[in-house]
């Protein structure tokens, strides 16, 4: 299956996403910062990135911009608790925008759709 990089500063969410996505057969790497995400891109480019927006240090929109500069073919799903960012034109580079929920079905559906389209 796919190699998915999950970038979120919430440790509990990283563990949940890792368990759920690995249960779907994906190889999941999780990191807690934008800086660590960019290091992962260089060492082991993923097939898809699930990226939080609001993080300490480097925010997700900056990370998205850096991913696009590094390799614009890597699909990115912005996964955030804030629906207000959806109107921000800088989010338009992402392949999907999913508002965080305790129900991961929307995120999983977005992941499946993007990976099937590749």
PDB file of N, CA and C in Angstrom:
ATOM      1  N   UNK A   1       0.829  -1.190   0.000  1.00  0.00           N
ATOM      2  CA  UNK A   1       0.000   0.000   0.000  1.00  0.00           C
ATOM      3  C   UNK A   1       0.872   1.251   0.000  1.00  0.00           C
ATOM      4  N   UNK A   2       0.251   2.367   0.280  1.00  0.00           N
ATOM      5  CA  UNK A   2       0.923   3.661   0.179  1.00  0.00           C
ATOM      6  C   UNK A   2       1.731   4.004   1.425  1.00  0.00           C
ATOM      7  N   UNK A   3       2.756   4.825   1.185  1.00  0.00           N
ATOM      8  CA  UNK A   3       3.536   5.412   2.282  1.00  0.00           C
ATOM      9  C   UNK A   3       2.915   6.769   2.597  1.00  0.00           C
ATOM     10  N   UNK A   4       2.391   6.914   3.818  1.00  0.00           N
ATOM     11  CA  UNK A   4       1.710   8.145   4.208  1.00  0.00           C
ATOM     12  C   UNK A   4       2.492   8.812   5.333  1.00  0.00           C
ATOM     13  N   UNK A   5       2.725  10.107   5.181  1.00  0.00           N
ATOM     14  CA  UNK A   5       3.371  10.920   6.211  1.00  0.00           C
ATOM     15  C   UNK A   5       2.292  11.754   6.892  1.00  0.00           C
ATOM     16  N   UNK A   6       2.133  11.586   8.202  1.00  0.00           N
ATOM     17  CA  UNK A   6       1.174  12.353   8.987  1.00  0.00           C
ATOM     18  C   UNK A   6       1.955  13.389   9.785  1.00  0.00           C
ATOM     19  N   UNK A   7       1.586  14.662   9.607  1.00  0.00           N
ATOM     20  CA  UNK A   7       2.263  15.767  10.280  1.00  0.00           C
ATOM     21  C   UNK A   7       1.246  16.471  11.163  1.00  0.00           C
ATOM     22  N   UNK A   8       1.411  16.321  12.477  1.00  0.00           N
ATOM     23  CA  UNK A   8       0.481  16.943  13.420  1.00  0.00           C
ATOM     24  C   UNK A   8       1.204  17.100  14.749  1.00  0.00           C
ATOM     25  N   UNK A   9       0.985  18.231  15.410  1.00  0.00           N
ATOM     26  CA  UNK A   9       1.664  18.457  16.685  1.00  0.00           C
ATOM     27  C   UNK A   9       0.946  17.804  17.866  1.00  0.00           C
ATOM     28  N   UNK A  10      -0.198  17.179  17.631  1.00  0.00           N
ATOM     29  CA  UNK A  10      -0.943  16.491  18.680  1.00  0.00           C
ATOM     30  C   UNK A  10      -0.555  15.005  18.671  1.00  0.00           C
ATOM     31  N   UNK A  11       0.158  14.591  19.699  1.00  0.00           N
ATOM     32  CA  UNK A  11       0.656  13.219  19.780  1.00  0.00           C
ATOM     33  C   UNK A  11      -0.479  12.198  19.748  1.00  0.00           C
ATOM     34  N   UNK A  12      -1.589  12.472  20.444  1.00  0.00           N
ATOM     35  CA  UNK A  12      -2.715  11.537  20.468  1.00  0.00           C
ATOM     36  C   UNK A  12      -3.299  11.330  19.073  1.00  0.00           C
ATOM     37  N   UNK A  13      -3.430  12.421  18.323  1.00  0.00           N
ATOM     38  CA  UNK A  13      -3.945  12.297  16.948  1.00  0.00           C
ATOM     39  C   UNK A  13      -2.970  11.539  16.061  1.00  0.00           C
ATOM     40  N   UNK A  14      -1.680  11.789  16.224  1.00  0.00           N
ATOM     41  CA  UNK A  14      -0.694  11.045  15.415  1.00  0.00           C
ATOM     42  C   UNK A  14      -0.825   9.549  15.675  1.00  0.00           C
ATOM     43  N   UNK A  15      -0.966   9.166  16.937  1.00  0.00           N
ATOM     44  CA  UNK A  15      -1.098   7.741  17.268  1.00  0.00           C
ATOM     45  C   UNK A  15      -2.389   7.163  16.693  1.00  0.00           C
ATOM     46  N   UNK A  16      -3.491   7.912  16.794  1.00  0.00           N
ATOM     47  CA  UNK A  16      -4.767   7.454  16.241  1.00  0.00           C
ATOM     48  C   UNK A  16      -4.671   7.273  14.737  1.00  0.00           C
ATOM     49  N   UNK A  17      -4.152   8.281  14.039  1.00  0.00           N
ATOM     50  CA  UNK A  17      -4.039   8.201  12.578  1.00  0.00           C
ATOM     51  C   UNK A  17      -3.118   7.054  12.168  1.00  0.00           C
ATOM     52  N   UNK A  18      -2.020   6.890  12.886  1.00  0.00           N
ATOM     53  CA  UNK A  18      -1.100   5.798  12.554  1.00  0.00           C
ATOM     54  C   UNK A  18      -1.804   4.454  12.682  1.00  0.00           C
ATOM     55  N   UNK A  19      -2.516   4.246  13.783  1.00  0.00           N
ATOM     56  CA  UNK A  19      -3.209   2.974  14.007  1.00  0.00           C
ATOM     57  C   UNK A  19      -4.278   2.743  12.930  1.00  0.00           C
ATOM     58  N   UNK A  20      -5.091   3.761  12.665  1.00  0.00           N
ATOM     59  CA  UNK A  20      -6.188   3.621  11.708  1.00  0.00           C
ATOM     60  C   UNK A  20      -5.683   3.409  10.277  1.00  0.00           C
ATOM     61  N   UNK A  21      -4.715   4.204   9.861  1.00  0.00           N
ATOM     62  CA  UNK A  21      -4.219   4.107   8.485  1.00  0.00           C
ATOM     63  C   UNK A  21      -3.383   2.849   8.276  1.00  0.00           C
ATOM     64  N   UNK A  22      -2.619   2.464   9.294  1.00  0.00           N
ATOM     65  CA  UNK A  22      -1.867   1.205   9.203  1.00  0.00           C
ATOM     66  C   UNK A  22      -2.843   0.028   9.156  1.00  0.00           C
ATOM     67  N   UNK A  23      -3.942   0.146   9.878  1.00  0.00           N
ATOM     68  CA  UNK A  23      -4.979  -0.888   9.834  1.00  0.00           C
ATOM     69  C   UNK A  23      -5.601  -1.038   8.461  1.00  0.00           C
ATOM     70  N   UNK A  24      -5.544   0.030   7.674  1.00  0.00           N
ATOM     71  CA  UNK A  24      -6.022  -0.020   6.289  1.00  0.00           C
ATOM     72  C   UNK A  24      -4.944  -0.513   5.330  1.00  0.00           C
ATOM     73  N   UNK A  25      -3.774  -0.860   5.871  1.00  0.00           N
ATOM     74  CA  UNK A  25      -2.713  -1.429   5.053  1.00  0.00           C
ATOM     75  C   UNK A  25      -1.634  -0.464   4.608  1.00  0.00           C
ATOM     76  N   UNK A  26      -1.696   0.777   5.066  1.00  0.00           N
ATOM     77  CA  UNK A  26      -0.698   1.761   4.659  1.00  0.00           C
ATOM     78  C   UNK A  26       0.523   1.718   5.581  1.00  0.00           C
ATOM     79  N   UNK A  27       1.657   2.115   5.039  1.00  0.00           N
ATOM     80  CA  UNK A  27       2.864   2.305   5.846  1.00  0.00           C
ATOM     81  C   UNK A  27       2.834   3.766   6.294  1.00  0.00           C
ATOM     82  N   UNK A  28       2.766   3.994   7.608  1.00  0.00           N
ATOM     83  CA  UNK A  28       2.552   5.335   8.141  1.00  0.00           C
ATOM     84  C   UNK A  28       3.762   5.800   8.943  1.00  0.00           C
ATOM     85  N   UNK A  29       4.214   7.016   8.619  1.00  0.00           N
ATOM     86  CA  UNK A  29       5.246   7.695   9.397  1.00  0.00           C
ATOM     87  C   UNK A  29       4.590   8.930   9.986  1.00  0.00           C
ATOM     88  N   UNK A  30       4.846   9.200  11.257  1.00  0.00           N
ATOM     89  CA  UNK A  30       4.275  10.379  11.887  1.00  0.00           C
ATOM     90  C   UNK A  30       5.383  11.270  12.422  1.00  0.00           C
ATOM     91  N   UNK A  31       5.158  12.579  12.309  1.00  0.00           N
ATOM     92  CA  UNK A  31       6.073  13.564  12.879  1.00  0.00           C
ATOM     93  C   UNK A  31       5.242  14.691  13.503  1.00  0.00           C
ATOM     94  N   UNK A  32       5.861  15.403  14.450  1.00  0.00           N
ATOM     95  CA  UNK A  32       5.142  16.423  15.197  1.00  0.00           C
ATOM     96  C   UNK A  32       5.440  17.851  14.806  1.00  0.00           C
ATOM     97  N   UNK A  33       6.228  18.047  13.755  1.00  0.00           N
ATOM     98  CA  UNK A  33       6.553  19.419  13.357  1.00  0.00           C
ATOM     99  C   UNK A  33       6.789  19.507  11.856  1.00  0.00           C
ATOM    100  N   UNK A  34       6.655  20.729  11.357  1.00  0.00           N
ATOM    101  CA  UNK A  34       6.929  20.971   9.944  1.00  0.00           C
ATOM    102  C   UNK A  34       8.373  20.707   9.593  1.00  0.00           C
ATOM    103  N   UNK A  35       9.258  21.079  10.484  1.00  0.00           N
ATOM    104  CA  UNK A  35      10.694  20.869  10.260  1.00  0.00           C
ATOM    105  C   UNK A  35      10.998  19.378  10.087  1.00  0.00           C
ATOM    106  N   UNK A  36      10.406  18.555  10.946  1.00  0.00           N
ATOM    107  CA  UNK A  36      10.617  17.107  10.835  1.00  0.00           C
ATOM    108  C   UNK A  36       9.980  16.546   9.565  1.00  0.00           C
ATOM    109  N   UNK A  37       8.862  17.128   9.150  1.00  0.00           N
ATOM    110  CA  UNK A  37       8.213  16.683   7.915  1.00  0.00           C
ATOM    111  C   UNK A  37       9.128  16.899   6.715  1.00  0.00           C
ATOM    112  N   UNK A  38       9.763  18.059   6.663  1.00  0.00           N
ATOM    113  CA  UNK A  38      10.646  18.359   5.537  1.00  0.00           C
ATOM    114  C   UNK A  38      11.865  17.443   5.530  1.00  0.00           C
ATOM    115  N   UNK A  39      12.354  17.056   6.703  1.00  0.00           N
ATOM    116  CA  UNK A  39      13.456  16.088   6.774  1.00  0.00           C
ATOM    117  C   UNK A  39      13.014  14.738   6.207  1.00  0.00           C
ATOM    118  N   UNK A  40      11.787  14.336   6.510  1.00  0.00           N
ATOM    119  CA  UNK A  40      11.268  13.062   6.005  1.00  0.00           C
ATOM    120  C   UNK A  40      11.146  13.068   4.486  1.00  0.00           C
ATOM    121  N   UNK A  41      10.795  14.210   3.928  1.00  0.00           N
ATOM    122  CA  UNK A  41      10.679  14.305   2.465  1.00  0.00           C
ATOM    123  C   UNK A  41      11.999  13.954   1.800  1.00  0.00           C
ATOM    124  N   UNK A  42      13.082  14.433   2.388  1.00  0.00           N
ATOM    125  CA  UNK A  42      14.401  14.201   1.804  1.00  0.00           C
ATOM    126  C   UNK A  42      14.867  12.767   1.992  1.00  0.00           C
ATOM    127  N   UNK A  43      14.572  12.182   3.151  1.00  0.00           N
ATOM    128  CA  UNK A  43      15.079  10.841   3.434  1.00  0.00           C
ATOM    129  C   UNK A  43      14.206   9.732   2.851  1.00  0.00           C
ATOM    130  N   UNK A  44      12.892   9.949   2.841  1.00  0.00           N
ATOM    131  CA  UNK A  44      11.979   8.921   2.347  1.00  0.00           C
ATOM    132  C   UNK A  44      10.683   9.570   1.874  1.00  0.00           C
ATOM    133  N   UNK A  45      10.655  10.039   0.632  1.00  0.00           N
ATOM    134  CA  UNK A  45       9.466  10.735   0.137  1.00  0.00           C
ATOM    135  C   UNK A  45       8.213   9.861   0.221  1.00  0.00           C
ATOM    136  N   UNK A  46       7.141  10.395   0.799  1.00  0.00           N
ATOM    137  CA  UNK A  46       5.897   9.614   0.921  1.00  0.00           C
ATOM    138  C   UNK A  46       5.082   9.658  -0.362  1.00  0.00           C
ATOM    139  N   UNK A  47       4.081   8.804  -0.407  1.00  0.00           N
ATOM    140  CA  UNK A  47       3.126   8.824  -1.512  1.00  0.00           C
ATOM    141  C   UNK A  47       2.048   9.878  -1.278  1.00  0.00           C
ATOM    142  N   UNK A  48       1.864  10.268  -0.007  1.00  0.00           N
ATOM    143  CA  UNK A  48       0.834  11.235   0.359  1.00  0.00           C
ATOM    144  C   UNK A  48       1.167  11.819   1.729  1.00  0.00           C
ATOM    145  N   UNK A  49       0.806  13.095   1.933  1.00  0.00           N
ATOM    146  CA  UNK A  49       1.028  13.763   3.218  1.00  0.00           C
ATOM    147  C   UNK A  49      -0.313  14.217   3.782  1.00  0.00           C
ATOM    148  N   UNK A  50      -0.543  13.905   5.054  1.00  0.00           N
ATOM    149  CA  UNK A  50      -1.680  14.432   5.807  1.00  0.00           C
ATOM    150  C   UNK A  50      -1.094  15.485   6.729  1.00  0.00           C
ATOM    151  N   UNK A  51      -1.514  16.747   6.553  1.00  0.00           N
ATOM    152  CA  UNK A  51      -0.821  17.876   7.162  1.00  0.00           C
ATOM    153  C   UNK A  51      -1.756  18.770   7.970  1.00  0.00           C
ATOM    154  N   UNK A  52      -1.427  18.955   9.247  1.00  0.00           N
ATOM    155  CA  UNK A  52      -2.149  19.905  10.092  1.00  0.00           C
ATOM    156  C   UNK A  52      -1.707  21.315   9.723  1.00  0.00           C
ATOM    157  N   UNK A  53      -2.562  22.310   9.950  1.00  0.00           N
ATOM    158  CA  UNK A  53      -2.194  23.688   9.636  1.00  0.00           C
ATOM    159  C   UNK A  53      -1.622  24.411  10.853  1.00  0.00           C
ATOM    160  N   UNK A  54      -2.349  24.365  11.967  1.00  0.00           N
ATOM    161  CA  UNK A  54      -1.933  25.111  13.161  1.00  0.00           C
ATOM    162  C   UNK A  54      -0.934  24.285  13.960  1.00  0.00           C
ATOM    163  N   UNK A  55       0.354  24.621  13.813  1.00  0.00           N
ATOM    164  CA  UNK A  55       1.411  23.956  14.572  1.00  0.00           C
ATOM    165  C   UNK A  55       2.394  25.011  15.049  1.00  0.00           C
ATOM    166  N   UNK A  56       3.043  24.709  16.162  1.00  0.00           N
ATOM    167  CA  UNK A  56       4.086  25.594  16.668  1.00  0.00           C
ATOM    168  C   UNK A  56       5.256  25.617  15.693  1.00  0.00           C
ATOM    169  N   UNK A  57       5.961  26.713  15.668  1.00  0.00           N
ATOM    170  CA  UNK A  57       7.115  26.826  14.772  1.00  0.00           C
ATOM    171  C   UNK A  57       6.643  27.041  13.349  1.00  0.00           C
ATOM    172  N   UNK A  58       6.926  26.104  12.490  1.00  0.00           N
ATOM    173  CA  UNK A  58       6.542  26.192  11.078  1.00  0.00           C
ATOM    174  C   UNK A  58       5.105  25.695  10.924  1.00  0.00           C
ATOM    175  N   UNK A  59       4.210  26.577  10.471  1.00  0.00           N
ATOM    176  CA  UNK A  59       2.815  26.163  10.314  1.00  0.00           C
ATOM    177  C   UNK A  59       2.643  25.319   9.049  1.00  0.00           C
ATOM    178  N   UNK A  60       1.484  24.678   8.955  1.00  0.00           N
ATOM    179  CA  UNK A  60       1.228  23.768   7.856  1.00  0.00           C
ATOM    180  C   UNK A  60       1.204  24.415   6.478  1.00  0.00           C
ATOM    181  N   UNK A  61       0.776  25.677   6.408  1.00  0.00           N
ATOM    182  CA  UNK A  61       0.751  26.344   5.104  1.00  0.00           C
ATOM    183  C   UNK A  61       2.164  26.599   4.589  1.00  0.00           C
ATOM    184  N   UNK A  62       3.080  26.894   5.503  1.00  0.00           N
ATOM    185  CA  UNK A  62       4.489  27.044   5.121  1.00  0.00           C
ATOM    186  C   UNK A  62       5.053  25.698   4.680  1.00  0.00           C
ATOM    187  N   UNK A  63       4.702  24.649   5.411  1.00  0.00           N
ATOM    188  CA  UNK A  63       5.158  23.296   5.043  1.00  0.00           C
ATOM    189  C   UNK A  63       4.600  22.917   3.671  1.00  0.00           C
ATOM    190  N   UNK A  64       3.336  23.220   3.426  1.00  0.00           N
ATOM    191  CA  UNK A  64       2.724  22.943   2.118  1.00  0.00           C
ATOM    192  C   UNK A  64       3.499  23.632   1.008  1.00  0.00           C
ATOM    193  N   UNK A  65       3.842  24.878   1.226  1.00  0.00           N
ATOM    194  CA  UNK A  65       4.616  25.629   0.232  1.00  0.00           C
ATOM    195  C   UNK A  65       5.969  24.964  -0.017  1.00  0.00           C
ATOM    196  N   UNK A  66       6.626  24.527   1.030  1.00  0.00           N
ATOM    197  CA  UNK A  66       7.931  23.868   0.888  1.00  0.00           C
ATOM    198  C   UNK A  66       7.801  22.519   0.186  1.00  0.00           C
ATOM    199  N   UNK A  67       6.729  21.787   0.473  1.00  0.00           N
ATOM    200  CA  UNK A  67       6.501  20.512  -0.218  1.00  0.00           C
ATOM    201  C   UNK A  67       6.312  20.762  -1.710  1.00  0.00           C
ATOM    202  N   UNK A  68       5.550  21.783  -2.063  1.00  0.00           N
ATOM    203  CA  UNK A  68       5.306  22.108  -3.472  1.00  0.00           C
ATOM    204  C   UNK A  68       6.613  22.489  -4.177  1.00  0.00           C
ATOM    205  N   UNK A  69       7.495  23.173  -3.472  1.00  0.00           N
ATOM    206  CA  UNK A  69       8.797  23.524  -4.054  1.00  0.00           C
ATOM    207  C   UNK A  69       9.669  22.286  -4.221  1.00  0.00           C
ATOM    208  N   UNK A  70       9.596  21.378  -3.260  1.00  0.00           N
ATOM    209  CA  UNK A  70      10.432  20.178  -3.280  1.00  0.00           C
ATOM    210  C   UNK A  70       9.961  19.205  -4.357  1.00  0.00           C
ATOM    211  N   UNK A  71       8.637  18.916  -4.360  1.00  0.00           N
ATOM    212  CA  UNK A  71       8.077  17.972  -5.332  1.00  0.00           C
ATOM    213  C   UNK A  71       6.562  18.192  -5.396  1.00  0.00           C
ATOM    214  N   UNK A  72       6.133  18.909  -6.387  1.00  0.00           N
ATOM    215  CA  UNK A  72       4.719  19.265  -6.495  1.00  0.00           C
ATOM    216  C   UNK A  72       3.818  18.081  -6.847  1.00  0.00           C
ATOM    217  N   UNK A  73       4.413  16.909  -7.088  1.00  0.00           N
ATOM    218  CA  UNK A  73       3.594  15.742  -7.410  1.00  0.00           C
ATOM    219  C   UNK A  73       3.152  14.981  -6.161  1.00  0.00           C
ATOM    220  N   UNK A  74       3.706  15.317  -4.998  1.00  0.00           N
ATOM    221  CA  UNK A  74       3.308  14.646  -3.757  1.00  0.00           C
ATOM    222  C   UNK A  74       1.958  15.214  -3.321  1.00  0.00           C
ATOM    223  N   UNK A  75       0.926  14.383  -3.251  1.00  0.00           N
ATOM    224  CA  UNK A  75      -0.378  14.881  -2.827  1.00  0.00           C
ATOM    225  C   UNK A  75      -0.377  15.236  -1.334  1.00  0.00           C
ATOM    226  N   UNK A  76      -1.079  16.321  -1.017  1.00  0.00           N
ATOM    227  CA  UNK A  76      -1.173  16.794   0.369  1.00  0.00           C
ATOM    228  C   UNK A  76      -2.640  16.986   0.732  1.00  0.00           C
ATOM    229  N   UNK A  77      -3.022  16.431   1.873  1.00  0.00           N
ATOM    230  CA  UNK A  77      -4.338  16.667   2.437  1.00  0.00           C
ATOM    231  C   UNK A  77      -4.154  17.554   3.660  1.00  0.00           C
ATOM    232  N   UNK A  78      -4.744  18.730   3.624  1.00  0.00           N
ATOM    233  CA  UNK A  78      -4.737  19.586   4.812  1.00  0.00           C
ATOM    234  C   UNK A  78      -5.813  19.051   5.741  1.00  0.00           C
ATOM    235  N   UNK A  79      -5.419  18.778   6.974  1.00  0.00           N
ATOM    236  CA  UNK A  79      -6.309  18.179   7.964  1.00  0.00           C
ATOM    237  C   UNK A  79      -6.253  19.048   9.213  1.00  0.00           C
ATOM    238  N   UNK A  80      -7.288  19.865   9.404  1.00  0.00           N
ATOM    239  CA  UNK A  80      -7.234  20.863  10.453  1.00  0.00           C
ATOM    240  C   UNK A  80      -8.570  20.980  11.179  1.00  0.00           C
ATOM    241  N   UNK A  81      -8.517  21.499  12.381  1.00  0.00           N
ATOM    242  CA  UNK A  81      -9.731  21.746  13.157  1.00  0.00           C
ATOM    243  C   UNK A  81     -10.400  23.050  12.753  1.00  0.00           C
ATOM    244  N   UNK A  82      -9.752  23.831  11.903  1.00  0.00           N
ATOM    245  CA  UNK A  82     -10.229  25.167  11.561  1.00  0.00           C
ATOM    246  C   UNK A  82     -10.742  25.222  10.122  1.00  0.00           C
ATOM    247  N   UNK A  83     -12.052  25.289   9.985  1.00  0.00           N
ATOM    248  CA  UNK A  83     -12.641  25.356   8.647  1.00  0.00           C
ATOM    249  C   UNK A  83     -12.399  26.716   7.998  1.00  0.00           C
ATOM    250  N   UNK A  84     -12.038  27.729   8.773  1.00  0.00           N
ATOM    251  CA  UNK A  84     -11.836  29.085   8.241  1.00  0.00           C
ATOM    252  C   UNK A  84     -10.674  29.170   7.257  1.00  0.00           C
ATOM    253  N   UNK A  85      -9.720  28.275   7.359  1.00  0.00           N
ATOM    254  CA  UNK A  85      -8.573  28.319   6.453  1.00  0.00           C
ATOM    255  C   UNK A  85      -8.954  27.922   5.027  1.00  0.00           C
ATOM    256  N   UNK A  86     -10.084  27.268   4.871  1.00  0.00           N
ATOM    257  CA  UNK A  86     -10.492  26.795   3.550  1.00  0.00           C
ATOM    258  C   UNK A  86     -10.618  27.940   2.543  1.00  0.00           C
ATOM    259  N   UNK A  87     -10.942  29.138   3.032  1.00  0.00           N
ATOM    260  CA  UNK A  87     -11.082  30.304   2.150  1.00  0.00           C
ATOM    261  C   UNK A  87      -9.745  30.954   1.818  1.00  0.00           C
ATOM    262  N   UNK A  88      -8.689  30.544   2.496  1.00  0.00           N
ATOM    263  CA  UNK A  88      -7.355  31.105   2.272  1.00  0.00           C
ATOM    264  C   UNK A  88      -6.786  30.512   0.985  1.00  0.00           C
ATOM    265  N   UNK A  89      -6.457  31.373   0.023  1.00  0.00           N
ATOM    266  CA  UNK A  89      -5.992  30.869  -1.276  1.00  0.00           C
ATOM    267  C   UNK A  89      -4.729  30.022  -1.172  1.00  0.00           C
ATOM    268  N   UNK A  90      -3.947  30.156  -0.117  1.00  0.00           N
ATOM    269  CA  UNK A  90      -2.730  29.343   0.011  1.00  0.00           C
ATOM    270  C   UNK A  90      -3.049  27.869   0.235  1.00  0.00           C
ATOM    271  N   UNK A  91      -4.290  27.571   0.648  1.00  0.00           N
ATOM    272  CA  UNK A  91      -4.669  26.169   0.834  1.00  0.00           C
ATOM    273  C   UNK A  91      -5.024  25.493  -0.487  1.00  0.00           C
ATOM    274  N   UNK A  92      -5.170  26.265  -1.547  1.00  0.00           N
ATOM    275  CA  UNK A  92      -5.598  25.716  -2.830  1.00  0.00           C
ATOM    276  C   UNK A  92      -4.563  24.790  -3.459  1.00  0.00           C
ATOM    277  N   UNK A  93      -3.320  24.844  -3.013  1.00  0.00           N
ATOM    278  CA  UNK A  93      -2.300  23.926  -3.525  1.00  0.00           C
ATOM    279  C   UNK A  93      -2.495  22.506  -3.012  1.00  0.00           C
ATOM    280  N   UNK A  94      -3.274  22.372  -1.942  1.00  0.00           N
ATOM    281  CA  UNK A  94      -3.514  21.045  -1.382  1.00  0.00           C
ATOM    282  C   UNK A  94      -4.482  20.270  -2.268  1.00  0.00           C
ATOM    283  N   UNK A  95      -4.370  18.960  -2.223  1.00  0.00           N
ATOM    284  CA  UNK A  95      -5.246  18.099  -3.010  1.00  0.00           C
ATOM    285  C   UNK A  95      -6.608  17.913  -2.346  1.00  0.00           C
ATOM    286  N   UNK A  96      -6.662  18.114  -1.027  1.00  0.00           N
ATOM    287  CA  UNK A  96      -7.925  18.022  -0.295  1.00  0.00           C
ATOM    288  C   UNK A  96      -7.800  18.806   1.000  1.00  0.00           C
ATOM    289  N   UNK A  97      -8.959  19.187   1.540  1.00  0.00           N
ATOM    290  CA  UNK A  97      -9.043  19.930   2.790  1.00  0.00           C
ATOM    291  C   UNK A  97     -10.080  19.212   3.633  1.00  0.00           C
ATOM    292  N   UNK A  98      -9.650  18.649   4.755  1.00  0.00           N
ATOM    293  CA  UNK A  98     -10.552  17.874   5.602  1.00  0.00           C
ATOM    294  C   UNK A  98     -10.534  18.481   6.999  1.00  0.00           C
ATOM    295  N   UNK A  99     -11.720  18.789   7.519  1.00  0.00           N
ATOM    296  CA  UNK A  99     -11.829  19.301   8.881  1.00  0.00           C
ATOM    297  C   UNK A  99     -11.766  18.104   9.827  1.00  0.00           C
ATOM    298  N   UNK A 100     -10.920  18.219  10.857  1.00  0.00           N
ATOM    299  CA  UNK A 100     -10.739  17.123  11.809  1.00  0.00           C
ATOM    300  C   UNK A 100     -12.060  16.753  12.464  1.00  0.00           C
ATOM    301  N   UNK A 101     -12.199  15.451  12.691  1.00  0.00           N
ATOM    302  CA  UNK A 101     -13.395  14.904  13.305  1.00  0.00           C
ATOM    303  C   UNK A 101     -13.021  13.613  14.011  1.00  0.00           C
ATOM    304  N   UNK A 102     -13.832  13.220  14.985  1.00  0.00           N
ATOM    305  CA  UNK A 102     -13.583  11.933  15.638  1.00  0.00           C
ATOM    306  C   UNK A 102     -13.896  10.780  14.688  1.00  0.00           C
ATOM    307  N   UNK A 103     -14.655  11.064  13.651  1.00  0.00           N
ATOM    308  CA  UNK A 103     -14.967  10.091  12.604  1.00  0.00           C
ATOM    309  C   UNK A 103     -13.958  10.304  11.469  1.00  0.00           C
ATOM    310  N   UNK A 104     -13.102   9.344  11.247  1.00  0.00           N
ATOM    311  CA  UNK A 104     -12.040   9.486  10.247  1.00  0.00           C
ATOM    312  C   UNK A 104     -12.473   9.099   8.833  1.00  0.00           C
ATOM    313  N   UNK A 105     -13.754   8.846   8.645  1.00  0.00           N
ATOM    314  CA  UNK A 105     -14.199   8.364   7.332  1.00  0.00           C
ATOM    315  C   UNK A 105     -13.956   9.384   6.224  1.00  0.00           C
ATOM    316  N   UNK A 106     -14.141  10.677   6.486  1.00  0.00           N
ATOM    317  CA  UNK A 106     -13.901  11.678   5.445  1.00  0.00           C
ATOM    318  C   UNK A 106     -12.421  11.724   5.074  1.00  0.00           C
ATOM    319  N   UNK A 107     -11.547  11.662   6.072  1.00  0.00           N
ATOM    320  CA  UNK A 107     -10.107  11.660   5.802  1.00  0.00           C
ATOM    321  C   UNK A 107      -9.718  10.408   5.018  1.00  0.00           C
ATOM    322  N   UNK A 108     -10.197   9.261   5.442  1.00  0.00           N
ATOM    323  CA  UNK A 108      -9.875   8.017   4.744  1.00  0.00           C
ATOM    324  C   UNK A 108     -10.400   8.023   3.306  1.00  0.00           C
ATOM    325  N   UNK A 109     -11.584   8.575   3.122  1.00  0.00           N
ATOM    326  CA  UNK A 109     -12.158   8.663   1.777  1.00  0.00           C
ATOM    327  C   UNK A 109     -11.287   9.554   0.880  1.00  0.00           C
ATOM    328  N   UNK A 110     -10.836  10.678   1.427  1.00  0.00           N
ATOM    329  CA  UNK A 110      -9.961  11.583   0.659  1.00  0.00           C
ATOM    330  C   UNK A 110      -8.652  10.885   0.307  1.00  0.00           C
ATOM    331  N   UNK A 111      -8.086  10.161   1.250  1.00  0.00           N
ATOM    332  CA  UNK A 111      -6.837   9.429   1.002  1.00  0.00           C
ATOM    333  C   UNK A 111      -7.051   8.406  -0.122  1.00  0.00           C
ATOM    334  N   UNK A 112      -8.112   7.624  -0.016  1.00  0.00           N
ATOM    335  CA  UNK A 112      -8.386   6.602  -1.034  1.00  0.00           C
ATOM    336  C   UNK A 112      -8.595   7.212  -2.417  1.00  0.00           C
ATOM    337  N   UNK A 113      -9.355   8.297  -2.493  1.00  0.00           N
ATOM    338  CA  UNK A 113      -9.623   8.940  -3.776  1.00  0.00           C
ATOM    339  C   UNK A 113      -8.361   9.467  -4.416  1.00  0.00           C
ATOM    340  N   UNK A 114      -7.520  10.100  -3.623  1.00  0.00           N
ATOM    341  CA  UNK A 114      -6.278  10.664  -4.165  1.00  0.00           C
ATOM    342  C   UNK A 114      -5.338   9.563  -4.615  1.00  0.00           C
ATOM    343  N   UNK A 115      -5.202   8.519  -3.811  1.00  0.00           N
ATOM    344  CA  UNK A 115      -4.287   7.440  -4.174  1.00  0.00           C
ATOM    345  C   UNK A 115      -4.782   6.674  -5.393  1.00  0.00           C
ATOM    346  N   UNK A 116      -6.079   6.503  -5.526  1.00  0.00           N
ATOM    347  CA  UNK A 116      -6.627   5.800  -6.693  1.00  0.00           C
ATOM    348  C   UNK A 116      -6.437   6.612  -7.974  1.00  0.00           C
ATOM    349  N   UNK A 117      -6.444   7.923  -7.833  1.00  0.00           N
ATOM    350  CA  UNK A 117      -6.291   8.788  -9.008  1.00  0.00           C
ATOM    351  C   UNK A 117      -4.848   8.835  -9.509  1.00  0.00           C
ATOM    352  N   UNK A 118      -3.896   8.406  -8.719  1.00  0.00           N
ATOM    353  CA  UNK A 118      -2.481   8.457  -9.096  1.00  0.00           C
ATOM    354  C   UNK A 118      -2.101   7.368 -10.041  1.00  0.00           C
TER     355      UNK A 118
END
